């Protein structure tokens, strides 16, 4: 099954992007709101159903984009909850 998660537009700063991604993926309350915590949650996703989770984000922050790319690669290895990041045109 594939699930689509859309990050609200305009979240370009690191803080805004992290918060918007957390909101789009319904991160748990214990989420730490930093890049390390972002990676940890993105590679876990245990609170979401198994399947592919497609995150649509317009981009805008290189640090966050690097974490998203690393997390997507890691979840592809793990298998039950795969993160795919897409950037709309």
PDB file of N, CA and C in Angstrom:
ATOM      1  N   UNK A   1       0.840  -1.172   0.000  1.00  0.00           N
ATOM      2  CA  UNK A   1       0.000   0.000   0.000  1.00  0.00           C
ATOM      3  C   UNK A   1       0.888   1.239   0.000  1.00  0.00           C
ATOM      4  N   UNK A   2       0.442   2.289  -0.670  1.00  0.00           N
ATOM      5  CA  UNK A   2       1.175   3.544  -0.729  1.00  0.00           C
ATOM      6  C   UNK A   2       0.362   4.640  -0.049  1.00  0.00           C
ATOM      7  N   UNK A   3       1.034   5.405   0.785  1.00  0.00           N
ATOM      8  CA  UNK A   3       0.406   6.503   1.521  1.00  0.00           C
ATOM      9  C   UNK A   3       1.115   7.798   1.143  1.00  0.00           C
ATOM     10  N   UNK A   4       0.343   8.814   0.858  1.00  0.00           N
ATOM     11  CA  UNK A   4       0.909  10.104   0.432  1.00  0.00           C
ATOM     12  C   UNK A   4       0.807  11.098   1.584  1.00  0.00           C
ATOM     13  N   UNK A   5       1.895  11.815   1.826  1.00  0.00           N
ATOM     14  CA  UNK A   5       1.970  12.828   2.879  1.00  0.00           C
ATOM     15  C   UNK A   5       2.498  14.109   2.237  1.00  0.00           C
ATOM     16  N   UNK A   6       1.753  15.182   2.340  1.00  0.00           N
ATOM     17  CA  UNK A   6       2.135  16.435   1.703  1.00  0.00           C
ATOM     18  C   UNK A   6       2.573  17.424   2.787  1.00  0.00           C
ATOM     19  N   UNK A   7       3.785  17.944   2.619  1.00  0.00           N
ATOM     20  CA  UNK A   7       4.317  18.949   3.538  1.00  0.00           C
ATOM     21  C   UNK A   7       3.774  20.300   3.113  1.00  0.00           C
ATOM     22  N   UNK A   8       3.305  21.066   4.093  1.00  0.00           N
ATOM     23  CA  UNK A   8       2.736  22.368   3.758  1.00  0.00           C
ATOM     24  C   UNK A   8       3.757  23.228   3.025  1.00  0.00           C
ATOM     25  N   UNK A   9       3.264  23.990   2.094  1.00  0.00           N
ATOM     26  CA  UNK A   9       4.126  24.835   1.255  1.00  0.00           C
ATOM     27  C   UNK A   9       4.743  25.950   2.084  1.00  0.00           C
ATOM     28  N   UNK A  10       5.899  26.395   1.649  1.00  0.00           N
ATOM     29  CA  UNK A  10       6.559  27.513   2.288  1.00  0.00           C
ATOM     30  C   UNK A  10       7.470  27.150   3.446  1.00  0.00           C
ATOM     31  N   UNK A  11       7.623  25.866   3.737  1.00  0.00           N
ATOM     32  CA  UNK A  11       8.480  25.428   4.853  1.00  0.00           C
ATOM     33  C   UNK A  11       9.907  25.264   4.336  1.00  0.00           C
ATOM     34  N   UNK A  12      10.643  26.365   4.275  1.00  0.00           N
ATOM     35  CA  UNK A  12      11.979  26.341   3.684  1.00  0.00           C
ATOM     36  C   UNK A  12      13.103  26.402   4.716  1.00  0.00           C
ATOM     37  N   UNK A  13      12.908  27.122   5.807  1.00  0.00           N
ATOM     38  CA  UNK A  13      13.967  27.177   6.817  1.00  0.00           C
ATOM     39  C   UNK A  13      14.076  25.807   7.480  1.00  0.00           C
ATOM     40  N   UNK A  14      15.206  25.539   8.099  1.00  0.00           N
ATOM     41  CA  UNK A  14      15.396  24.237   8.742  1.00  0.00           C
ATOM     42  C   UNK A  14      14.301  23.984   9.782  1.00  0.00           C
ATOM     43  N   UNK A  15      14.065  24.952  10.650  1.00  0.00           N
ATOM     44  CA  UNK A  15      13.057  24.792  11.703  1.00  0.00           C
ATOM     45  C   UNK A  15      11.660  24.566  11.120  1.00  0.00           C
ATOM     46  N   UNK A  16      11.286  25.380  10.133  1.00  0.00           N
ATOM     47  CA  UNK A  16       9.958  25.252   9.527  1.00  0.00           C
ATOM     48  C   UNK A  16       9.813  23.925   8.793  1.00  0.00           C
ATOM     49  N   UNK A  17      10.864  23.505   8.084  1.00  0.00           N
ATOM     50  CA  UNK A  17      10.802  22.247   7.338  1.00  0.00           C
ATOM     51  C   UNK A  17      10.677  21.057   8.274  1.00  0.00           C
ATOM     52  N   UNK A  18      11.464  21.048   9.336  1.00  0.00           N
ATOM     53  CA  UNK A  18      11.394  19.941  10.297  1.00  0.00           C
ATOM     54  C   UNK A  18       9.993  19.863  10.901  1.00  0.00           C
ATOM     55  N   UNK A  19       9.452  21.004  11.306  1.00  0.00           N
ATOM     56  CA  UNK A  19       8.109  21.026  11.884  1.00  0.00           C
ATOM     57  C   UNK A  19       7.035  20.595  10.902  1.00  0.00           C
ATOM     58  N   UNK A  20       7.152  21.038   9.656  1.00  0.00           N
ATOM     59  CA  UNK A  20       6.153  20.695   8.642  1.00  0.00           C
ATOM     60  C   UNK A  20       6.216  19.211   8.269  1.00  0.00           C
ATOM     61  N   UNK A  21       7.411  18.655   8.216  1.00  0.00           N
ATOM     62  CA  UNK A  21       7.547  17.220   7.931  1.00  0.00           C
ATOM     63  C   UNK A  21       6.979  16.411   9.085  1.00  0.00           C
ATOM     64  N   UNK A  22       7.277  16.833  10.312  1.00  0.00           N
ATOM     65  CA  UNK A  22       6.726  16.155  11.487  1.00  0.00           C
ATOM     66  C   UNK A  22       5.200  16.174  11.470  1.00  0.00           C
ATOM     67  N   UNK A  23       4.644  17.294  11.074  1.00  0.00           N
ATOM     68  CA  UNK A  23       3.185  17.428  10.987  1.00  0.00           C
ATOM     69  C   UNK A  23       2.625  16.522   9.892  1.00  0.00           C
ATOM     70  N   UNK A  24       3.255  16.530   8.728  1.00  0.00           N
ATOM     71  CA  UNK A  24       2.755  15.750   7.591  1.00  0.00           C
ATOM     72  C   UNK A  24       2.765  14.255   7.875  1.00  0.00           C
ATOM     73  N   UNK A  25       3.758  13.797   8.642  1.00  0.00           N
ATOM     74  CA  UNK A  25       3.879  12.362   8.945  1.00  0.00           C
ATOM     75  C   UNK A  25       3.346  12.005  10.329  1.00  0.00           C
ATOM     76  N   UNK A  26       2.696  12.956  10.979  1.00  0.00           N
ATOM     77  CA  UNK A  26       2.093  12.732  12.307  1.00  0.00           C
ATOM     78  C   UNK A  26       3.100  12.145  13.291  1.00  0.00           C
ATOM     79  N   UNK A  27       4.284  12.787  13.374  1.00  0.00           N
ATOM     80  CA  UNK A  27       5.311  12.299  14.296  1.00  0.00           C
ATOM     81  C   UNK A  27       4.765  12.226  15.719  1.00  0.00           C
ATOM     82  N   UNK A  28       5.258  11.288  16.506  1.00  0.00           N
ATOM     83  CA  UNK A  28       4.815  11.155  17.904  1.00  0.00           C
ATOM     84  C   UNK A  28       5.253  12.358  18.756  1.00  0.00           C
ATOM     85  N   UNK A  29       4.633  12.504  19.901  1.00  0.00           N
ATOM     86  CA  UNK A  29       4.905  13.630  20.797  1.00  0.00           C
ATOM     87  C   UNK A  29       6.356  13.691  21.253  1.00  0.00           C
ATOM     88  N   UNK A  30       7.026  12.560  21.301  1.00  0.00           N
ATOM     89  CA  UNK A  30       8.406  12.536  21.801  1.00  0.00           C
ATOM     90  C   UNK A  30       9.430  13.035  20.777  1.00  0.00           C
ATOM     91  N   UNK A  31       9.006  13.408  19.594  1.00  0.00           N
ATOM     92  CA  UNK A  31       9.912  13.892  18.550  1.00  0.00           C
ATOM     93  C   UNK A  31      10.689  15.109  19.042  1.00  0.00           C
ATOM     94  N   UNK A  32      12.006  15.128  18.817  1.00  0.00           N
ATOM     95  CA  UNK A  32      12.896  16.147  19.364  1.00  0.00           C
ATOM     96  C   UNK A  32      13.100  17.414  18.557  1.00  0.00           C
ATOM     97  N   UNK A  33      12.525  17.542  17.374  1.00  0.00           N
ATOM     98  CA  UNK A  33      12.586  18.762  16.556  1.00  0.00           C
ATOM     99  C   UNK A  33      14.010  19.210  16.222  1.00  0.00           C
ATOM    100  N   UNK A  34      14.872  18.259  15.857  1.00  0.00           N
ATOM    101  CA  UNK A  34      16.204  18.575  15.349  1.00  0.00           C
ATOM    102  C   UNK A  34      16.533  17.564  14.251  1.00  0.00           C
ATOM    103  N   UNK A  35      17.640  17.743  13.569  1.00  0.00           N
ATOM    104  CA  UNK A  35      17.964  16.876  12.429  1.00  0.00           C
ATOM    105  C   UNK A  35      18.184  15.420  12.831  1.00  0.00           C
ATOM    106  N   UNK A  36      18.818  15.178  13.966  1.00  0.00           N
ATOM    107  CA  UNK A  36      19.021  13.799  14.415  1.00  0.00           C
ATOM    108  C   UNK A  36      17.692  13.119  14.714  1.00  0.00           C
ATOM    109  N   UNK A  37      16.816  13.833  15.390  1.00  0.00           N
ATOM    110  CA  UNK A  37      15.498  13.286  15.705  1.00  0.00           C
ATOM    111  C   UNK A  37      14.673  13.087  14.431  1.00  0.00           C
ATOM    112  N   UNK A  38      14.833  13.987  13.469  1.00  0.00           N
ATOM    113  CA  UNK A  38      14.139  13.843  12.188  1.00  0.00           C
ATOM    114  C   UNK A  38      14.548  12.532  11.524  1.00  0.00           C
ATOM    115  N   UNK A  39      15.851  12.285  11.455  1.00  0.00           N
ATOM    116  CA  UNK A  39      16.346  11.043  10.861  1.00  0.00           C
ATOM    117  C   UNK A  39      15.803   9.825  11.627  1.00  0.00           C
ATOM    118  N   UNK A  40      15.858   9.879  12.945  1.00  0.00           N
ATOM    119  CA  UNK A  40      15.376   8.749  13.751  1.00  0.00           C
ATOM    120  C   UNK A  40      13.909   8.439  13.467  1.00  0.00           C
ATOM    121  N   UNK A  41      13.080   9.465  13.404  1.00  0.00           N
ATOM    122  CA  UNK A  41      11.655   9.236  13.144  1.00  0.00           C
ATOM    123  C   UNK A  41      11.417   8.769  11.707  1.00  0.00           C
ATOM    124  N   UNK A  42      12.128   9.357  10.764  1.00  0.00           N
ATOM    125  CA  UNK A  42      11.941   8.971   9.364  1.00  0.00           C
ATOM    126  C   UNK A  42      12.361   7.529   9.088  1.00  0.00           C
ATOM    127  N   UNK A  43      13.307   7.024   9.842  1.00  0.00           N
ATOM    128  CA  UNK A  43      13.752   5.643   9.637  1.00  0.00           C
ATOM    129  C   UNK A  43      12.998   4.668  10.522  1.00  0.00           C
ATOM    130  N   UNK A  44      12.087   5.157  11.329  1.00  0.00           N
ATOM    131  CA  UNK A  44      11.273   4.312  12.209  1.00  0.00           C
ATOM    132  C   UNK A  44       9.868   4.165  11.611  1.00  0.00           C
ATOM    133  N   UNK A  45       9.094   5.228  11.635  1.00  0.00           N
ATOM    134  CA  UNK A  45       7.716   5.276  11.109  1.00  0.00           C
ATOM    135  C   UNK A  45       6.816   4.172  11.665  1.00  0.00           C
ATOM    136  N   UNK A  46       7.144   3.644  12.827  1.00  0.00           N
ATOM    137  CA  UNK A  46       6.377   2.524  13.398  1.00  0.00           C
ATOM    138  C   UNK A  46       4.943   2.903  13.772  1.00  0.00           C
ATOM    139  N   UNK A  47       4.628   4.159  13.925  1.00  0.00           N
ATOM    140  CA  UNK A  47       3.271   4.604  14.257  1.00  0.00           C
ATOM    141  C   UNK A  47       2.387   4.682  13.002  1.00  0.00           C
ATOM    142  N   UNK A  48       2.995   4.499  11.844  1.00  0.00           N
ATOM    143  CA  UNK A  48       2.249   4.508  10.579  1.00  0.00           C
ATOM    144  C   UNK A  48       2.082   3.078  10.060  1.00  0.00           C
ATOM    145  N   UNK A  49       1.102   2.846   9.206  1.00  0.00           N
ATOM    146  CA  UNK A  49       0.921   1.496   8.660  1.00  0.00           C
ATOM    147  C   UNK A  49       2.092   1.079   7.771  1.00  0.00           C
ATOM    148  N   UNK A  50       2.291  -0.210   7.647  1.00  0.00           N
ATOM    149  CA  UNK A  50       3.339  -0.723   6.767  1.00  0.00           C
ATOM    150  C   UNK A  50       3.014  -0.344   5.325  1.00  0.00           C
ATOM    151  N   UNK A  51       4.051  -0.124   4.536  1.00  0.00           N
ATOM    152  CA  UNK A  51       3.893   0.229   3.131  1.00  0.00           C
ATOM    153  C   UNK A  51       4.823   1.354   2.758  1.00  0.00           C
ATOM    154  N   UNK A  52       4.628   1.893   1.579  1.00  0.00           N
ATOM    155  CA  UNK A  52       5.437   3.010   1.111  1.00  0.00           C
ATOM    156  C   UNK A  52       4.794   4.316   1.535  1.00  0.00           C
ATOM    157  N   UNK A  53       5.593   5.180   2.124  1.00  0.00           N
ATOM    158  CA  UNK A  53       5.120   6.500   2.538  1.00  0.00           C
ATOM    159  C   UNK A  53       5.822   7.536   1.670  1.00  0.00           C
ATOM    160  N   UNK A  54       5.042   8.163   0.799  1.00  0.00           N
ATOM    161  CA  UNK A  54       5.566   9.145  -0.142  1.00  0.00           C
ATOM    162  C   UNK A  54       5.408  10.524   0.480  1.00  0.00           C
ATOM    163  N   UNK A  55       6.534  11.185   0.687  1.00  0.00           N
ATOM    164  CA  UNK A  55       6.545  12.520   1.268  1.00  0.00           C
ATOM    165  C   UNK A  55       6.771  13.528   0.155  1.00  0.00           C
ATOM    166  N   UNK A  56       5.815  14.407  -0.046  1.00  0.00           N
ATOM    167  CA  UNK A  56       5.928  15.451  -1.069  1.00  0.00           C
ATOM    168  C   UNK A  56       6.323  16.750  -0.389  1.00  0.00           C
ATOM    169  N   UNK A  57       7.512  17.231  -0.744  1.00  0.00           N
ATOM    170  CA  UNK A  57       8.027  18.463  -0.158  1.00  0.00           C
ATOM    171  C   UNK A  57       8.668  19.296  -1.251  1.00  0.00           C
ATOM    172  N   UNK A  58       8.453  20.591  -1.227  1.00  0.00           N
ATOM    173  CA  UNK A  58       8.980  21.461  -2.273  1.00  0.00           C
ATOM    174  C   UNK A  58      10.463  21.746  -2.116  1.00  0.00           C
ATOM    175  N   UNK A  59      11.061  21.303  -1.020  1.00  0.00           N
ATOM    176  CA  UNK A  59      12.482  21.514  -0.811  1.00  0.00           C
ATOM    177  C   UNK A  59      12.765  22.902  -0.275  1.00  0.00           C
ATOM    178  N   UNK A  60      14.053  23.239  -0.266  1.00  0.00           N
ATOM    179  CA  UNK A  60      14.414  24.569   0.167  1.00  0.00           C
ATOM    180  C   UNK A  60      15.435  24.618   1.281  1.00  0.00           C
ATOM    181  N   UNK A  61      15.817  23.465   1.850  1.00  0.00           N
ATOM    182  CA  UNK A  61      16.838  23.452   2.889  1.00  0.00           C
ATOM    183  C   UNK A  61      17.755  22.260   2.658  1.00  0.00           C
ATOM    184  N   UNK A  62      19.009  22.536   2.375  1.00  0.00           N
ATOM    185  CA  UNK A  62      19.959  21.477   2.031  1.00  0.00           C
ATOM    186  C   UNK A  62      20.190  20.494   3.172  1.00  0.00           C
ATOM    187  N   UNK A  63      20.227  20.984   4.415  1.00  0.00           N
ATOM    188  CA  UNK A  63      20.431  20.087   5.556  1.00  0.00           C
ATOM    189  C   UNK A  63      19.276  19.089   5.692  1.00  0.00           C
ATOM    190  N   UNK A  64      18.072  19.583   5.564  1.00  0.00           N
ATOM    191  CA  UNK A  64      16.893  18.723   5.666  1.00  0.00           C
ATOM    192  C   UNK A  64      16.844  17.765   4.478  1.00  0.00           C
ATOM    193  N   UNK A  65      17.152  18.243   3.295  1.00  0.00           N
ATOM    194  CA  UNK A  65      17.159  17.383   2.107  1.00  0.00           C
ATOM    195  C   UNK A  65      18.158  16.246   2.261  1.00  0.00           C
ATOM    196  N   UNK A  66      19.304  16.513   2.869  1.00  0.00           N
ATOM    197  CA  UNK A  66      20.308  15.460   3.090  1.00  0.00           C
ATOM    198  C   UNK A  66      19.773  14.397   4.041  1.00  0.00           C
ATOM    199  N   UNK A  67      19.092  14.826   5.101  1.00  0.00           N
ATOM    200  CA  UNK A  67      18.504  13.870   6.048  1.00  0.00           C
ATOM    201  C   UNK A  67      17.423  13.051   5.356  1.00  0.00           C
ATOM    202  N   UNK A  68      16.587  13.690   4.561  1.00  0.00           N
ATOM    203  CA  UNK A  68      15.533  12.971   3.842  1.00  0.00           C
ATOM    204  C   UNK A  68      16.128  11.915   2.907  1.00  0.00           C
ATOM    205  N   UNK A  69      17.186  12.280   2.196  1.00  0.00           N
ATOM    206  CA  UNK A  69      17.827  11.332   1.273  1.00  0.00           C
ATOM    207  C   UNK A  69      18.429  10.150   2.036  1.00  0.00           C
ATOM    208  N   UNK A  70      19.110  10.429   3.137  1.00  0.00           N
ATOM    209  CA  UNK A  70      19.701   9.357   3.944  1.00  0.00           C
ATOM    210  C   UNK A  70      18.625   8.439   4.519  1.00  0.00           C
ATOM    211  N   UNK A  71      17.549   9.040   5.010  1.00  0.00           N
ATOM    212  CA  UNK A  71      16.466   8.247   5.598  1.00  0.00           C
ATOM    213  C   UNK A  71      15.765   7.400   4.541  1.00  0.00           C
ATOM    214  N   UNK A  72      15.552   7.957   3.362  1.00  0.00           N
ATOM    215  CA  UNK A  72      14.917   7.192   2.286  1.00  0.00           C
ATOM    216  C   UNK A  72      15.774   5.987   1.905  1.00  0.00           C
ATOM    217  N   UNK A  73      17.079   6.196   1.820  1.00  0.00           N
ATOM    218  CA  UNK A  73      17.982   5.082   1.495  1.00  0.00           C
ATOM    219  C   UNK A  73      17.944   4.014   2.583  1.00  0.00           C
ATOM    220  N   UNK A  74      17.926   4.450   3.829  1.00  0.00           N
ATOM    221  CA  UNK A  74      17.912   3.494   4.941  1.00  0.00           C
ATOM    222  C   UNK A  74      16.605   2.694   4.971  1.00  0.00           C
ATOM    223  N   UNK A  75      15.471   3.357   4.775  1.00  0.00           N
ATOM    224  CA  UNK A  75      14.199   2.629   4.825  1.00  0.00           C
ATOM    225  C   UNK A  75      14.058   1.661   3.663  1.00  0.00           C
ATOM    226  N   UNK A  76      14.698   1.962   2.536  1.00  0.00           N
ATOM    227  CA  UNK A  76      14.675   1.028   1.404  1.00  0.00           C
ATOM    228  C   UNK A  76      15.373  -0.271   1.781  1.00  0.00           C
ATOM    229  N   UNK A  77      16.380  -0.188   2.639  1.00  0.00           N
ATOM    230  CA  UNK A  77      17.081  -1.376   3.121  1.00  0.00           C
ATOM    231  C   UNK A  77      16.244  -2.152   4.140  1.00  0.00           C
ATOM    232  N   UNK A  78      15.477  -1.430   4.957  1.00  0.00           N
ATOM    233  CA  UNK A  78      14.722  -2.065   6.047  1.00  0.00           C
ATOM    234  C   UNK A  78      13.463  -2.766   5.557  1.00  0.00           C
ATOM    235  N   UNK A  79      12.733  -2.131   4.638  1.00  0.00           N
ATOM    236  CA  UNK A  79      11.657  -2.814   3.967  1.00  0.00           C
ATOM    237  C   UNK A  79      10.214  -2.678   4.359  1.00  0.00           C
ATOM    238  N   UNK A  80       9.804  -2.665   5.625  1.00  0.00           N
ATOM    239  CA  UNK A  80       8.362  -2.711   5.915  1.00  0.00           C
ATOM    240  C   UNK A  80       7.674  -1.348   5.821  1.00  0.00           C
ATOM    241  N   UNK A  81       8.403  -0.268   6.094  1.00  0.00           N
ATOM    242  CA  UNK A  81       7.882   1.094   5.935  1.00  0.00           C
ATOM    243  C   UNK A  81       8.932   1.882   5.165  1.00  0.00           C
ATOM    244  N   UNK A  82       8.683   2.077   3.894  1.00  0.00           N
ATOM    245  CA  UNK A  82       9.663   2.709   3.011  1.00  0.00           C
ATOM    246  C   UNK A  82       9.272   4.162   2.802  1.00  0.00           C
ATOM    247  N   UNK A  83      10.260   5.051   2.959  1.00  0.00           N
ATOM    248  CA  UNK A  83      10.058   6.475   2.727  1.00  0.00           C
ATOM    249  C   UNK A  83      10.555   6.824   1.337  1.00  0.00           C
ATOM    250  N   UNK A  84       9.699   7.477   0.574  1.00  0.00           N
ATOM    251  CA  UNK A  84      10.075   8.012  -0.730  1.00  0.00           C
ATOM    252  C   UNK A  84       9.806   9.505  -0.691  1.00  0.00           C
ATOM    253  N   UNK A  85      10.775  10.278  -1.129  1.00  0.00           N
ATOM    254  CA  UNK A  85      10.614  11.746  -1.128  1.00  0.00           C
ATOM    255  C   UNK A  85      10.475  12.200  -2.571  1.00  0.00           C
ATOM    256  N   UNK A  86       9.453  13.000  -2.842  1.00  0.00           N
ATOM    257  CA  UNK A  86       9.259  13.566  -4.167  1.00  0.00           C
ATOM    258  C   UNK A  86       9.191  15.078  -4.047  1.00  0.00           C
ATOM    259  N   UNK A  87       9.703  15.724  -5.058  1.00  0.00           N
ATOM    260  CA  UNK A  87       9.706  17.193  -5.116  1.00  0.00           C
ATOM    261  C   UNK A  87       8.799  17.599  -6.276  1.00  0.00           C
ATOM    262  N   UNK A  88       7.670  18.248  -5.989  1.00  0.00           N
ATOM    263  CA  UNK A  88       6.740  18.615  -7.071  1.00  0.00           C
ATOM    264  C   UNK A  88       7.371  19.643  -8.001  1.00  0.00           C
ATOM    265  N   UNK A  89       6.876  19.682  -9.214  1.00  0.00           N
ATOM    266  CA  UNK A  89       7.380  20.648 -10.205  1.00  0.00           C
ATOM    267  C   UNK A  89       6.961  22.047  -9.865  1.00  0.00           C
TER     268      UNK A  89
END
